[in-house]
PDB file of N, CA and C in Angstrom:
ATOM      1  N   MET A   1     128.644  73.976  92.678  1.00  0.00           N
ATOM      2  CA  MET A   1     128.918  75.665  92.764  1.00  0.00           C
ATOM      3  C   MET A   1     126.972  76.064  93.035  1.00  0.00           C
ATOM      4  N   LEU A   2     126.663  75.752  91.767  1.00  0.00           N
ATOM      5  CA  LEU A   2     124.921  76.503  91.474  1.00  0.00           C
ATOM      6  C   LEU A   2     124.244  75.647  93.005  1.00  0.00           C
ATOM      7  N   ARG A   3     124.625  74.920  93.126  1.00  0.00           N
ATOM      8  CA  ARG A   3     123.670  74.810  94.915  1.00  0.00           C
ATOM      9  C   ARG A   3     124.213  75.143  95.747  1.00  0.00           C
ATOM     10  N   SER A   4     125.253  75.709  95.863  1.00  0.00           N
ATOM     11  CA  SER A   4     125.938  76.678  96.994  1.00  0.00           C
ATOM     12  C   SER A   4     125.323  78.001  97.186  1.00  0.00           C
ATOM     13  N   SER A   5     125.545  78.348  96.084  1.00  0.00           N
ATOM     14  CA  SER A   5     124.671  79.507  95.202  1.00  0.00           C
ATOM     15  C   SER A   5     123.218  79.776  95.526  1.00  0.00           C
ATOM     16  N   VAL A   6     122.268  78.860  95.064  1.00  0.00           N
ATOM     17  CA  VAL A   6     120.905  78.480  95.721  1.00  0.00           C
ATOM     18  C   VAL A   6     120.972  78.940  97.021  1.00  0.00           C
ATOM     19  N   PHE A   7     121.485  77.527  97.523  1.00  0.00           N
ATOM     20  CA  PHE A   7     121.534  77.715  99.129  1.00  0.00           C
ATOM     21  C   PHE A   7     121.472  79.228  99.888  1.00  0.00           C
ATOM     22  N   LEU A   8     122.743  80.184  99.083  1.00  0.00           N
ATOM     23  CA  LEU A   8     122.786  81.325  99.896  1.00  0.00           C
ATOM     24  C   LEU A   8     121.860  82.238  99.262  1.00  0.00           C
ATOM     25  N   LEU A   9     121.166  82.329  98.086  1.00  0.00           N
ATOM     26  CA  LEU A   9     119.590  82.518  98.098  1.00  0.00           C
ATOM     27  C   LEU A   9     118.883  82.238  98.981  1.00  0.00           C
ATOM     28  N   LEU A  10     118.506  81.139  99.086  1.00  0.00           N
ATOM     29  CA  LEU A  10     117.383  80.565  99.715  1.00  0.00           C
ATOM     30  C   LEU A  10     117.783  80.764 101.656  1.00  0.00           C
ATOM     31  N   LEU A  11     119.012  81.197 102.059  1.00  0.00           N
ATOM     32  CA  LEU A  11     118.932  81.426 102.910  1.00  0.00           C
ATOM     33  C   LEU A  11     118.630  83.021 103.094  1.00  0.00           C
ATOM     34  N   PHE A  12     119.670  83.851 102.863  1.00  0.00           N
ATOM     35  CA  PHE A  12     119.238  84.864 102.471  1.00  0.00           C
ATOM     36  C   PHE A  12     117.482  85.406 102.152  1.00  0.00           C
ATOM     37  N   PHE A  13     116.616  84.669 101.920  1.00  0.00           N
ATOM     38  CA  PHE A  13     115.526  84.755 101.832  1.00  0.00           C
ATOM     39  C   PHE A  13     114.914  84.598 103.094  1.00  0.00           C
ATOM     40  N   ALA A  14     115.426  83.295 103.491  1.00  0.00           N
ATOM     41  CA  ALA A  14     114.581  82.770 104.957  1.00  0.00           C
ATOM     42  C   ALA A  14     114.590  83.991 106.124  1.00  0.00           C
ATOM     43  N   SER A  15     115.749  84.098 106.192  1.00  0.00           N
ATOM     44  CA  SER A  15     116.180  85.676 107.096  1.00  0.00           C
ATOM     45  C   SER A  15     115.436  86.933 106.931  1.00  0.00           C
ATOM     46  N   LEU A  16     114.908  87.139 105.441  1.00  0.00           N
ATOM     47  CA  LEU A  16     114.641  88.668 105.487  1.00  0.00           C
ATOM     48  C   LEU A  16     113.122  88.061 105.595  1.00  0.00           C
ATOM     49  N   VAL A  17     112.232  87.345 105.346  1.00  0.00           N
ATOM     50  CA  VAL A  17     111.062  86.047 105.907  1.00  0.00           C
ATOM     51  C   VAL A  17     111.263  86.537 107.803  1.00  0.00           C
ATOM     52  N   CYS A  18     111.978  85.519 108.248  1.00  0.00           N
ATOM     53  CA  CYS A  18     112.138  85.411 109.610  1.00  0.00           C
ATOM     54  C   CYS A  18     112.055  86.623 110.008  1.00  0.00           C
ATOM     55  N   SER A  19     112.583  87.980 110.106  1.00  0.00           N
ATOM     56  CA  SER A  19     112.786  89.202 110.477  1.00  0.00           C
ATOM     57  C   SER A  19     111.181  89.812 110.959  1.00  0.00           C
ATOM     58  N   VAL A  20     110.185  89.134 110.422  1.00  0.00           N
ATOM     59  CA  VAL A  20     108.667  89.183 110.382  1.00  0.00           C
ATOM     60  C   VAL A  20     108.423  87.952 111.291  1.00  0.00           C
ATOM     61  N   THR A  21     107.939  88.200 112.682  1.00  0.00           N
ATOM     62  CA  THR A  21     106.986  86.312 113.276  1.00  0.00           C
ATOM     63  C   THR A  21     106.000  86.504 113.500  1.00  0.00           C
ATOM     64  N   ALA A  22     105.858  85.849 112.672  1.00  0.00           N
ATOM     65  CA  ALA A  22     103.925  84.745 112.638  1.00  0.00           C
ATOM     66  C   ALA A  22     103.526  83.404 113.366  1.00  0.00           C
ATOM     67  N   SER A  23     102.930  82.983 114.289  1.00  0.00           N
ATOM     68  CA  SER A  23     102.876  81.830 114.847  1.00  0.00           C
ATOM     69  C   SER A  23     101.332  81.184 113.772  1.00  0.00           C
ATOM     70  N   VAL A  24     102.017  80.164 112.561  1.00  0.00           N
ATOM     71  CA  VAL A  24     101.256  79.056 111.581  1.00  0.00           C
ATOM     72  C   VAL A  24     100.726  78.456 112.714  1.00  0.00           C
ATOM     73  N   SER A  25      99.542  77.705 112.471  1.00  0.00           N
ATOM     74  CA  SER A  25      99.146  76.317 112.499  1.00  0.00           C
ATOM     75  C   SER A  25      97.891  75.970 112.252  1.00  0.00           C
ATOM     76  N   TYR A  26      97.219  74.981 112.878  1.00  0.00           N
ATOM     77  CA  TYR A  26      96.467  74.146 111.744  1.00  0.00           C
ATOM     78  C   TYR A  26      95.815  73.055 113.243  1.00  0.00           C
ATOM     79  N   ASP A  27      94.771  73.507 112.887  1.00  0.00           N
ATOM     80  CA  ASP A  27      93.869  73.093 113.956  1.00  0.00           C
ATOM     81  C   ASP A  27      92.718  72.079 113.426  1.00  0.00           C
ATOM     82  N   HIS A  28      93.327  71.509 112.462  1.00  0.00           N
ATOM     83  CA  HIS A  28      92.238  70.867 111.926  1.00  0.00           C
ATOM     84  C   HIS A  28      90.338  70.648 111.364  1.00  0.00           C
ATOM     85  N   LYS A  29      90.436  72.185 111.448  1.00  0.00           N
ATOM     86  CA  LYS A  29      89.299  72.708 110.931  1.00  0.00           C
ATOM     87  C   LYS A  29      90.432  74.075 110.189  1.00  0.00           C
ATOM     88  N   ALA A  30      90.937  74.380 110.617  1.00  0.00           N
ATOM     89  CA  ALA A  30      91.903  76.362 109.703  1.00  0.00           C
ATOM     90  C   ALA A  30      93.025  76.648 110.377  1.00  0.00           C
ATOM     91  N   ILE A  31      93.349  77.297 109.656  1.00  0.00           N
ATOM     92  CA  ILE A  31      94.921  78.012 109.422  1.00  0.00           C
ATOM     93  C   ILE A  31      94.136  78.683 110.690  1.00  0.00           C
ATOM     94  N   LYS A  32      95.980  78.901 111.909  1.00  0.00           N
ATOM     95  CA  LYS A  32      95.599  79.906 112.843  1.00  0.00           C
ATOM     96  C   LYS A  32      97.195  80.974 112.513  1.00  0.00           C
ATOM     97  N   VAL A  33      97.291  82.138 112.366  1.00  0.00           N
ATOM     98  CA  VAL A  33      98.084  82.675 112.324  1.00  0.00           C
ATOM     99  C   VAL A  33      97.473  83.186 113.603  1.00  0.00           C
ATOM    100  N   ASN A  34      98.770  83.557 114.645  1.00  0.00           N
ATOM    101  CA  ASN A  34      99.031  84.170 116.059  1.00  0.00           C
ATOM    102  C   ASN A  34      97.653  83.730 116.840  1.00  0.00           C
ATOM    103  N   GLY A  35      97.276  82.425 116.792  1.00  0.00           N
ATOM    104  CA  GLY A  35      96.251  81.701 117.629  1.00  0.00           C
ATOM    105  C   GLY A  35      94.609  82.366 117.014  1.00  0.00           C
ATOM    106  N   GLN A  36      94.412  83.229 115.953  1.00  0.00           N
ATOM    107  CA  GLN A  36      93.267  83.296 115.180  1.00  0.00           C
ATOM    108  C   GLN A  36      93.125  82.447 113.902  1.00  0.00           C
ATOM    109  N   ARG A  37      91.281  81.807 114.415  1.00  0.00           N
ATOM    110  CA  ARG A  37      91.226  81.222 112.617  1.00  0.00           C
ATOM    111  C   ARG A  37      91.033  82.245 111.702  1.00  0.00           C
ATOM    112  N   ARG A  38      92.038  81.721 110.329  1.00  0.00           N
ATOM    113  CA  ARG A  38      92.221  82.940 109.311  1.00  0.00           C
ATOM    114  C   ARG A  38      91.465  82.481 107.982  1.00  0.00           C
ATOM    115  N   ILE A  39      90.582  82.661 106.744  1.00  0.00           N
ATOM    116  CA  ILE A  39      90.437  82.289 105.704  1.00  0.00           C
ATOM    117  C   ILE A  39      92.026  83.249 105.261  1.00  0.00           C
ATOM    118  N   LEU A  40      92.656  83.092 104.633  1.00  0.00           N
ATOM    119  CA  LEU A  40      93.276  84.043 103.890  1.00  0.00           C
ATOM    120  C   LEU A  40      93.225  84.257 102.396  1.00  0.00           C
ATOM    121  N   ILE A  41      93.155  85.177 101.968  1.00  0.00           N
ATOM    122  CA  ILE A  41      92.846  85.885 100.777  1.00  0.00           C
ATOM    123  C   ILE A  41      94.126  86.093 100.266  1.00  0.00           C
ATOM    124  N   SER A  42      94.201  85.825  98.798  1.00  0.00           N
ATOM    125  CA  SER A  42      95.597  85.612  97.671  1.00  0.00           C
ATOM    126  C   SER A  42      95.228  85.870  96.059  1.00  0.00           C
ATOM    127  N   GLY A  43      96.279  86.786  95.845  1.00  0.00           N
ATOM    128  CA  GLY A  43      95.974  87.173  94.711  1.00  0.00           C
ATOM    129  C   GLY A  43      97.649  87.247  94.346  1.00  0.00           C
ATOM    130  N   SER A  44      98.162  87.220  93.053  1.00  0.00           N
ATOM    131  CA  SER A  44      98.830  87.546  92.150  1.00  0.00           C
ATOM    132  C   SER A  44      99.507  88.511  91.942  1.00  0.00           C
ATOM    133  N   ILE A  45     100.490  89.373  91.863  1.00  0.00           N
ATOM    134  CA  ILE A  45     101.091  90.124  91.357  1.00  0.00           C
ATOM    135  C   ILE A  45     103.013  89.746  90.957  1.00  0.00           C
ATOM    136  N   HIS A  46     103.465  89.857  89.571  1.00  0.00           N
ATOM    137  CA  HIS A  46     104.529  89.092  89.160  1.00  0.00           C
ATOM    138  C   HIS A  46     105.345  90.335  89.202  1.00  0.00           C
ATOM    139  N   TYR A  47     106.052  90.625  90.025  1.00  0.00           N
ATOM    140  CA  TYR A  47     106.834  92.235  89.962  1.00  0.00           C
ATOM    141  C   TYR A  47     107.289  92.155  89.012  1.00  0.00           C
ATOM    142  N   PRO A  48     108.588  91.198  87.726  1.00  0.00           N
ATOM    143  CA  PRO A  48     108.733  91.471  86.469  1.00  0.00           C
ATOM    144  C   PRO A  48     108.058  92.175  85.399  1.00  0.00           C
ATOM    145  N   ARG A  49     107.355  91.965  86.054  1.00  0.00           N
ATOM    146  CA  ARG A  49     105.788  92.594  84.825  1.00  0.00           C
ATOM    147  C   ARG A  49     105.305  94.437  84.703  1.00  0.00           C
ATOM    148  N   SER A  50     105.781  94.784  86.122  1.00  0.00           N
ATOM    149  CA  SER A  50     105.586  95.998  86.385  1.00  0.00           C
ATOM    150  C   SER A  50     106.699  96.572  86.542  1.00  0.00           C
ATOM    151  N   THR A  51     107.075  97.751  86.998  1.00  0.00           N
ATOM    152  CA  THR A  51     108.162  98.445  87.105  1.00  0.00           C
ATOM    153  C   THR A  51     107.944  98.299  88.121  1.00  0.00           C
ATOM    154  N   PRO A  52     109.096  98.424  89.298  1.00  0.00           N
ATOM    155  CA  PRO A  52     109.612  99.153  90.482  1.00  0.00           C
ATOM    156  C   PRO A  52     109.016 100.197  91.696  1.00  0.00           C
ATOM    157  N   GLU A  53     108.397 101.048  90.336  1.00  0.00           N
ATOM    158  CA  GLU A  53     107.952 102.277  91.095  1.00  0.00           C
ATOM    159  C   GLU A  53     106.497 102.302  91.181  1.00  0.00           C
ATOM    160  N   MET A  54     106.104 101.590  90.032  1.00  0.00           N
ATOM    161  CA  MET A  54     104.313 101.045  90.004  1.00  0.00           C
ATOM    162  C   MET A  54     104.081 100.030  91.495  1.00  0.00           C
ATOM    163  N   TRP A  55     104.927  99.118  91.893  1.00  0.00           N
ATOM    164  CA  TRP A  55     104.843  98.242  92.856  1.00  0.00           C
ATOM    165  C   TRP A  55     104.041  98.894  94.034  1.00  0.00           C
ATOM    166  N   PRO A  56     104.291  99.553  94.891  1.00  0.00           N
ATOM    167  CA  PRO A  56     103.652 100.485  95.796  1.00  0.00           C
ATOM    168  C   PRO A  56     102.160  99.753  95.722  1.00  0.00           C
ATOM    169  N   ASP A  57     101.469 101.192  94.095  1.00  0.00           N
ATOM    170  CA  ASP A  57     100.464 100.957  94.063  1.00  0.00           C
ATOM    171  C   ASP A  57      99.742  99.740  94.317  1.00  0.00           C
ATOM    172  N   LEU A  58     100.256  99.084  93.284  1.00  0.00           N
ATOM    173  CA  LEU A  58      99.659  97.404  93.209  1.00  0.00           C
ATOM    174  C   LEU A  58      99.567  96.939  94.563  1.00  0.00           C
ATOM    175  N   ILE A  59     100.541  96.832  95.292  1.00  0.00           N
ATOM    176  CA  ILE A  59      99.658  96.035  96.602  1.00  0.00           C
ATOM    177  C   ILE A  59      99.171  96.819  97.168  1.00  0.00           C
ATOM    178  N   GLN A  60      98.828  98.241  97.016  1.00  0.00           N
ATOM    179  CA  GLN A  60      98.158  99.125  98.080  1.00  0.00           C
ATOM    180  C   GLN A  60      96.613  98.674  97.504  1.00  0.00           C
ATOM    181  N   LYS A  61      96.864  99.037  96.509  1.00  0.00           N
ATOM    182  CA  LYS A  61      95.091  98.058  95.889  1.00  0.00           C
ATOM    183  C   LYS A  61      94.820  96.658  96.151  1.00  0.00           C
ATOM    184  N   ALA A  62      95.632  95.990  96.444  1.00  0.00           N
ATOM    185  CA  ALA A  62      95.586  94.430  96.740  1.00  0.00           C
ATOM    186  C   ALA A  62      94.517  94.949  97.809  1.00  0.00           C
ATOM    187  N   LYS A  63      96.026  95.211  98.684  1.00  0.00           N
ATOM    188  CA  LYS A  63      95.054  95.722 100.115  1.00  0.00           C
ATOM    189  C   LYS A  63      93.720  96.215  99.957  1.00  0.00           C
ATOM    190  N   ASP A  64      93.721  97.361  99.508  1.00  0.00           N
ATOM    191  CA  ASP A  64      92.417  97.850  98.990  1.00  0.00           C
ATOM    192  C   ASP A  64      91.293  96.645  99.420  1.00  0.00           C
ATOM    193  N   GLY A  65      91.935  96.265  97.522  1.00  0.00           N
ATOM    194  CA  GLY A  65      90.637  94.979  97.408  1.00  0.00           C
ATOM    195  C   GLY A  65      90.498  94.107  98.032  1.00  0.00           C
ATOM    196  N   GLY A  66      90.701  93.704  99.728  1.00  0.00           N
ATOM    197  CA  GLY A  66      90.921  92.819 100.828  1.00  0.00           C
ATOM    198  C   GLY A  66      91.813  91.749 100.452  1.00  0.00           C
ATOM    199  N   LEU A  67      92.947  91.454 100.044  1.00  0.00           N
ATOM    200  CA  LEU A  67      93.717  90.765  99.560  1.00  0.00           C
ATOM    201  C   LEU A  67      95.001  90.637 101.041  1.00  0.00           C
ATOM    202  N   ASP A  68      94.799  89.240 101.777  1.00  0.00           N
ATOM    203  CA  ASP A  68      96.176  88.844 102.804  1.00  0.00           C
ATOM    204  C   ASP A  68      97.670  88.384 102.453  1.00  0.00           C
ATOM    205  N   VAL A  69      97.196  87.970 101.310  1.00  0.00           N
ATOM    206  CA  VAL A  69      98.670  87.285 101.197  1.00  0.00           C
ATOM    207  C   VAL A  69      99.068  87.831  99.302  1.00  0.00           C
ATOM    208  N   ILE A  70     100.018  87.749  98.817  1.00  0.00           N
ATOM    209  CA  ILE A  70     100.136  88.515  97.493  1.00  0.00           C
ATOM    210  C   ILE A  70     101.416  86.742  96.947  1.00  0.00           C
ATOM    211  N   GLN A  71     100.900  86.463  96.377  1.00  0.00           N
ATOM    212  CA  GLN A  71     101.427  85.720  95.907  1.00  0.00           C
ATOM    213  C   GLN A  71     102.063  85.880  94.280  1.00  0.00           C
ATOM    214  N   THR A  72     103.717  85.239  94.460  1.00  0.00           N
ATOM    215  CA  THR A  72     104.564  85.480  92.835  1.00  0.00           C
ATOM    216  C   THR A  72     105.551  84.462  93.085  1.00  0.00           C
ATOM    217  N   TYR A  73     105.535  83.843  91.805  1.00  0.00           N
ATOM    218  CA  TYR A  73     106.502  83.197  91.180  1.00  0.00           C
ATOM    219  C   TYR A  73     108.145  83.794  91.837  1.00  0.00           C
ATOM    220  N   VAL A  74     109.036  82.742  91.007  1.00  0.00           N
ATOM    221  CA  VAL A  74     110.190  83.599  91.414  1.00  0.00           C
ATOM    222  C   VAL A  74     111.049  83.339  89.792  1.00  0.00           C
ATOM    223  N   PHE A  75     110.981  84.429  88.753  1.00  0.00           N
ATOM    224  CA  PHE A  75     111.813  84.142  87.706  1.00  0.00           C
ATOM    225  C   PHE A  75     112.805  83.719  87.297  1.00  0.00           C
ATOM    226  N   TRP A  76     112.990  82.729  87.433  1.00  0.00           N
ATOM    227  CA  TRP A  76     114.858  82.287  87.505  1.00  0.00           C
ATOM    228  C   TRP A  76     115.373  82.359  85.814  1.00  0.00           C
ATOM    229  N   ASN A  77     114.717  82.480  84.902  1.00  0.00           N
ATOM    230  CA  ASN A  77     115.176  82.951  83.971  1.00  0.00           C
ATOM    231  C   ASN A  77     115.626  84.314  84.122  1.00  0.00           C
ATOM    232  N   GLY A  78     115.431  85.012  84.430  1.00  0.00           N
ATOM    233  CA  GLY A  78     115.819  86.719  84.514  1.00  0.00           C
ATOM    234  C   GLY A  78     116.227  87.087  85.562  1.00  0.00           C
ATOM    235  N   HIS A  79     116.359  86.417  86.965  1.00  0.00           N
ATOM    236  CA  HIS A  79     117.429  86.058  87.891  1.00  0.00           C
ATOM    237  C   HIS A  79     118.334  85.657  87.747  1.00  0.00           C
ATOM    238  N   GLU A  80     118.410  84.610  86.642  1.00  0.00           N
ATOM    239  CA  GLU A  80     119.640  84.311  86.472  1.00  0.00           C
ATOM    240  C   GLU A  80     119.941  84.159  84.514  1.00  0.00           C
ATOM    241  N   PRO A  81     120.249  85.256  84.586  1.00  0.00           N
ATOM    242  CA  PRO A  81     120.363  85.032  82.163  1.00  0.00           C
ATOM    243  C   PRO A  81     121.066  84.095  81.488  1.00  0.00           C
ATOM    244  N   SER A  82     122.260  83.713  82.436  1.00  0.00           N
ATOM    245  CA  SER A  82     123.116  82.753  81.541  1.00  0.00           C
ATOM    246  C   SER A  82     123.403  81.882  83.281  1.00  0.00           C
ATOM    247  N   PRO A  83     124.615  80.592  83.421  1.00  0.00           N
ATOM    248  CA  PRO A  83     124.402  79.796  84.073  1.00  0.00           C
ATOM    249  C   PRO A  83     125.705  80.903  85.204  1.00  0.00           C
ATOM    250  N   GLY A  84     125.392  80.737  86.660  1.00  0.00           N
ATOM    251  CA  GLY A  84     126.294  81.490  87.213  1.00  0.00           C
ATOM    252  C   GLY A  84     126.270  82.673  87.390  1.00  0.00           C
ATOM    253  N   ASN A  85     126.134  83.862  86.504  1.00  0.00           N
ATOM    254  CA  ASN A  85     125.494  85.115  86.536  1.00  0.00           C
ATOM    255  C   ASN A  85     124.094  85.480  87.458  1.00  0.00           C
ATOM    256  N   TYR A  86     124.008  86.067  88.493  1.00  0.00           N
ATOM    257  CA  TYR A  86     122.385  86.655  88.659  1.00  0.00           C
ATOM    258  C   TYR A  86     122.287  87.989  89.198  1.00  0.00           C
ATOM    259  N   TYR A  87     121.236  88.467  88.436  1.00  0.00           N
ATOM    260  CA  TYR A  87     120.585  89.326  88.503  1.00  0.00           C
ATOM    261  C   TYR A  87     119.594  89.738  89.378  1.00  0.00           C
ATOM    262  N   PHE A  88     118.917  90.399  90.069  1.00  0.00           N
ATOM    263  CA  PHE A  88     117.884  91.239  91.499  1.00  0.00           C
ATOM    264  C   PHE A  88     118.197  92.302  91.568  1.00  0.00           C
ATOM    265  N   GLU A  89     117.793  93.461  89.868  1.00  0.00           N
ATOM    266  CA  GLU A  89     118.199  94.632  90.409  1.00  0.00           C
ATOM    267  C   GLU A  89     116.719  95.324  89.544  1.00  0.00           C
ATOM    268  N   ASP A  90     116.493  96.256  89.238  1.00  0.00           N
ATOM    269  CA  ASP A  90     115.150  96.586  88.678  1.00  0.00           C
ATOM    270  C   ASP A  90     113.530  95.705  88.566  1.00  0.00           C
ATOM    271  N   ARG A  91     113.597  95.607  87.565  1.00  0.00           N
ATOM    272  CA  ARG A  91     111.898  94.651  87.565  1.00  0.00           C
ATOM    273  C   ARG A  91     112.399  93.523  88.179  1.00  0.00           C
ATOM    274  N   TYR A  92     113.677  93.025  88.291  1.00  0.00           N
ATOM    275  CA  TYR A  92     114.045  91.634  88.784  1.00  0.00           C
ATOM    276  C   TYR A  92     114.181  91.776  90.352  1.00  0.00           C
ATOM    277  N   ASP A  93     114.133  92.840  91.204  1.00  0.00           N
ATOM    278  CA  ASP A  93     114.344  93.366  92.474  1.00  0.00           C
ATOM    279  C   ASP A  93     113.804  92.597  93.669  1.00  0.00           C
ATOM    280  N   LEU A  94     113.645  91.267  93.561  1.00  0.00           N
ATOM    281  CA  LEU A  94     112.740  90.510  94.250  1.00  0.00           C
ATOM    282  C   LEU A  94     112.684  91.068  96.123  1.00  0.00           C
ATOM    283  N   VAL A  95     113.653  91.016  96.508  1.00  0.00           N
ATOM    284  CA  VAL A  95     113.646  92.171  97.883  1.00  0.00           C
ATOM    285  C   VAL A  95     113.683  92.965  98.057  1.00  0.00           C
ATOM    286  N   LYS A  96     112.841  94.237  97.258  1.00  0.00           N
ATOM    287  CA  LYS A  96     112.641  95.545  97.469  1.00  0.00           C
ATOM    288  C   LYS A  96     111.070  94.820  97.258  1.00  0.00           C
ATOM    289  N   PHE A  97     110.954  93.695  96.588  1.00  0.00           N
ATOM    290  CA  PHE A  97     109.062  93.716  96.184  1.00  0.00           C
ATOM    291  C   PHE A  97     108.481  92.749  97.128  1.00  0.00           C
ATOM    292  N   VAL A  98     109.551  91.945  98.084  1.00  0.00           N
ATOM    293  CA  VAL A  98     108.661  91.248  99.450  1.00  0.00           C
ATOM    294  C   VAL A  98     108.835  92.037 100.635  1.00  0.00           C
ATOM    295  N   LYS A  99     109.801  93.183 100.366  1.00  0.00           N
ATOM    296  CA  LYS A  99     109.950  94.230 101.572  1.00  0.00           C
ATOM    297  C   LYS A  99     108.441  94.974 101.401  1.00  0.00           C
ATOM    298  N   LEU A 100     108.342  95.447 100.329  1.00  0.00           N
ATOM    299  CA  LEU A 100     106.970  96.389 100.336  1.00  0.00           C
ATOM    300  C   LEU A 100     106.021  95.286 100.631  1.00  0.00           C
ATOM    301  N   VAL A 101     105.617  94.340 100.286  1.00  0.00           N
ATOM    302  CA  VAL A 101     104.677  93.947 100.505  1.00  0.00           C
ATOM    303  C   VAL A 101     104.890  93.198 102.159  1.00  0.00           C
ATOM    304  N   GLN A 102     105.408  93.518 102.711  1.00  0.00           N
ATOM    305  CA  GLN A 102     105.847  93.264 103.969  1.00  0.00           C
ATOM    306  C   GLN A 102     105.026  94.774 104.576  1.00  0.00           C
ATOM    307  N   GLN A 103     105.997  95.872 104.630  1.00  0.00           N
ATOM    308  CA  GLN A 103     105.740  96.819 104.888  1.00  0.00           C
ATOM    309  C   GLN A 103     104.255  97.117 104.759  1.00  0.00           C
ATOM    310  N   ALA A 104     102.941  96.503 103.919  1.00  0.00           N
ATOM    311  CA  ALA A 104     102.230  97.204 103.849  1.00  0.00           C
ATOM    312  C   ALA A 104     101.330  96.479 104.496  1.00  0.00           C
ATOM    313  N   GLY A 105     101.484  95.036 105.379  1.00  0.00           N
ATOM    314  CA  GLY A 105     101.225  94.386 106.180  1.00  0.00           C
ATOM    315  C   GLY A 105     100.693  93.242 106.034  1.00  0.00           C
ATOM    316  N   LEU A 106     100.945  92.617 104.544  1.00  0.00           N
ATOM    317  CA  LEU A 106     100.425  91.638 104.366  1.00  0.00           C
ATOM    318  C   LEU A 106     101.448  90.406 104.023  1.00  0.00           C
ATOM    319  N   TYR A 107     100.997  89.610 103.625  1.00  0.00           N
ATOM    320  CA  TYR A 107     101.794  87.714 103.690  1.00  0.00           C
ATOM    321  C   TYR A 107     102.130  87.772 102.353  1.00  0.00           C
ATOM    322  N   VAL A 108     103.627  87.410 101.857  1.00  0.00           N
ATOM    323  CA  VAL A 108     103.946  86.340 100.811  1.00  0.00           C
ATOM    324  C   VAL A 108     103.984  85.081 100.846  1.00  0.00           C
ATOM    325  N   HIS A 109     103.721  84.434  99.542  1.00  0.00           N
ATOM    326  CA  HIS A 109     103.374  83.302  99.025  1.00  0.00           C
ATOM    327  C   HIS A 109     104.496  83.601  97.912  1.00  0.00           C
ATOM    328  N   LEU A 110     105.481  82.389  98.588  1.00  0.00           N
ATOM    329  CA  LEU A 110     106.454  83.033  97.282  1.00  0.00           C
ATOM    330  C   LEU A 110     106.847  81.565  96.614  1.00  0.00           C
ATOM    331  N   ARG A 111     106.794  81.714  95.319  1.00  0.00           N
ATOM    332  CA  ARG A 111     106.763  80.278  94.472  1.00  0.00           C
ATOM    333  C   ARG A 111     108.294  80.258  94.017  1.00  0.00           C
ATOM    334  N   ILE A 112     108.882  79.363  94.425  1.00  0.00           N
ATOM    335  CA  ILE A 112     110.458  79.704  93.782  1.00  0.00           C
ATOM    336  C   ILE A 112     110.669  78.729  92.630  1.00  0.00           C
ATOM    337  N   GLY A 113     109.847  78.017  92.291  1.00  0.00           N
ATOM    338  CA  GLY A 113     110.096  77.153  90.740  1.00  0.00           C
ATOM    339  C   GLY A 113     110.247  76.067  91.126  1.00  0.00           C
ATOM    340  N   PRO A 114     111.456  75.788  90.160  1.00  0.00           N
ATOM    341  CA  PRO A 114     111.624  76.628  89.166  1.00  0.00           C
ATOM    342  C   PRO A 114     110.793  76.823  87.836  1.00  0.00           C
ATOM    343  N   TYR A 115     109.045  76.079  87.781  1.00  0.00           N
ATOM    344  CA  TYR A 115     108.491  76.092  86.220  1.00  0.00           C
ATOM    345  C   TYR A 115     107.735  77.576  86.858  1.00  0.00           C
ATOM    346  N   VAL A 116     107.607  78.497  86.513  1.00  0.00           N
ATOM    347  CA  VAL A 116     106.984  79.182  85.685  1.00  0.00           C
ATOM    348  C   VAL A 116     105.279  79.076  85.055  1.00  0.00           C
ATOM    349  N   CYS A 117     104.032  78.591  85.942  1.00  0.00           N
ATOM    350  CA  CYS A 117     103.316  78.717  84.779  1.00  0.00           C
ATOM    351  C   CYS A 117     101.922  79.103  84.497  1.00  0.00           C
ATOM    352  N   ALA A 118     102.887  80.982  83.594  1.00  0.00           N
ATOM    353  CA  ALA A 118     101.807  82.358  83.749  1.00  0.00           C
ATOM    354  C   ALA A 118     102.306  82.734  82.954  1.00  0.00           C
ATOM    355  N   GLU A 119     102.259  81.806  81.461  1.00  0.00           N
ATOM    356  CA  GLU A 119     102.664  82.643  80.231  1.00  0.00           C
ATOM    357  C   GLU A 119     103.470  83.415  80.461  1.00  0.00           C
ATOM    358  N   TRP A 120     104.890  82.420  80.957  1.00  0.00           N
ATOM    359  CA  TRP A 120     106.462  83.260  80.643  1.00  0.00           C
ATOM    360  C   TRP A 120     106.951  82.145  79.809  1.00  0.00           C
ATOM    361  N   ASN A 121     107.441  83.142  79.069  1.00  0.00           N
ATOM    362  CA  ASN A 121     108.961  82.106  78.159  1.00  0.00           C
ATOM    363  C   ASN A 121     109.786  81.529  79.446  1.00  0.00           C
ATOM    364  N   PHE A 122     110.051  80.504  79.154  1.00  0.00           N
ATOM    365  CA  PHE A 122     111.736  79.930  79.785  1.00  0.00           C
ATOM    366  C   PHE A 122     111.632  80.340  80.899  1.00  0.00           C
ATOM    367  N   GLY A 123     110.118  80.217  81.887  1.00  0.00           N
ATOM    368  CA  GLY A 123     110.807  80.477  83.356  1.00  0.00           C
ATOM    369  C   GLY A 123     110.487  79.558  84.342  1.00  0.00           C
TER     370      GLY A 123
END
């Protein structure tokens, strides 16, 4: 049951990500996005450490600071507080967070875990 639930969740996120098309390749010198060599600058925003109302401003500040990619963990102990009981609302609304990053014209580096190495208990 758990495997099928996790698979459905990953399938959902894959469909979300596939709604934005980008061709990514490597030419033995650099990453190429849509045919152009790119150096991607990444920074972290850990969505449950702020409120959803704060996310647009945080994302915009990251973009204004020169970031191309927002990296975040998936905080599974918040999303599955007990076995089979999933929670994706409020500070844990990962879909909303990813969509906001997309709307800002940035990429998302989603670290699906299960381990969170970011001073986060039981992550």
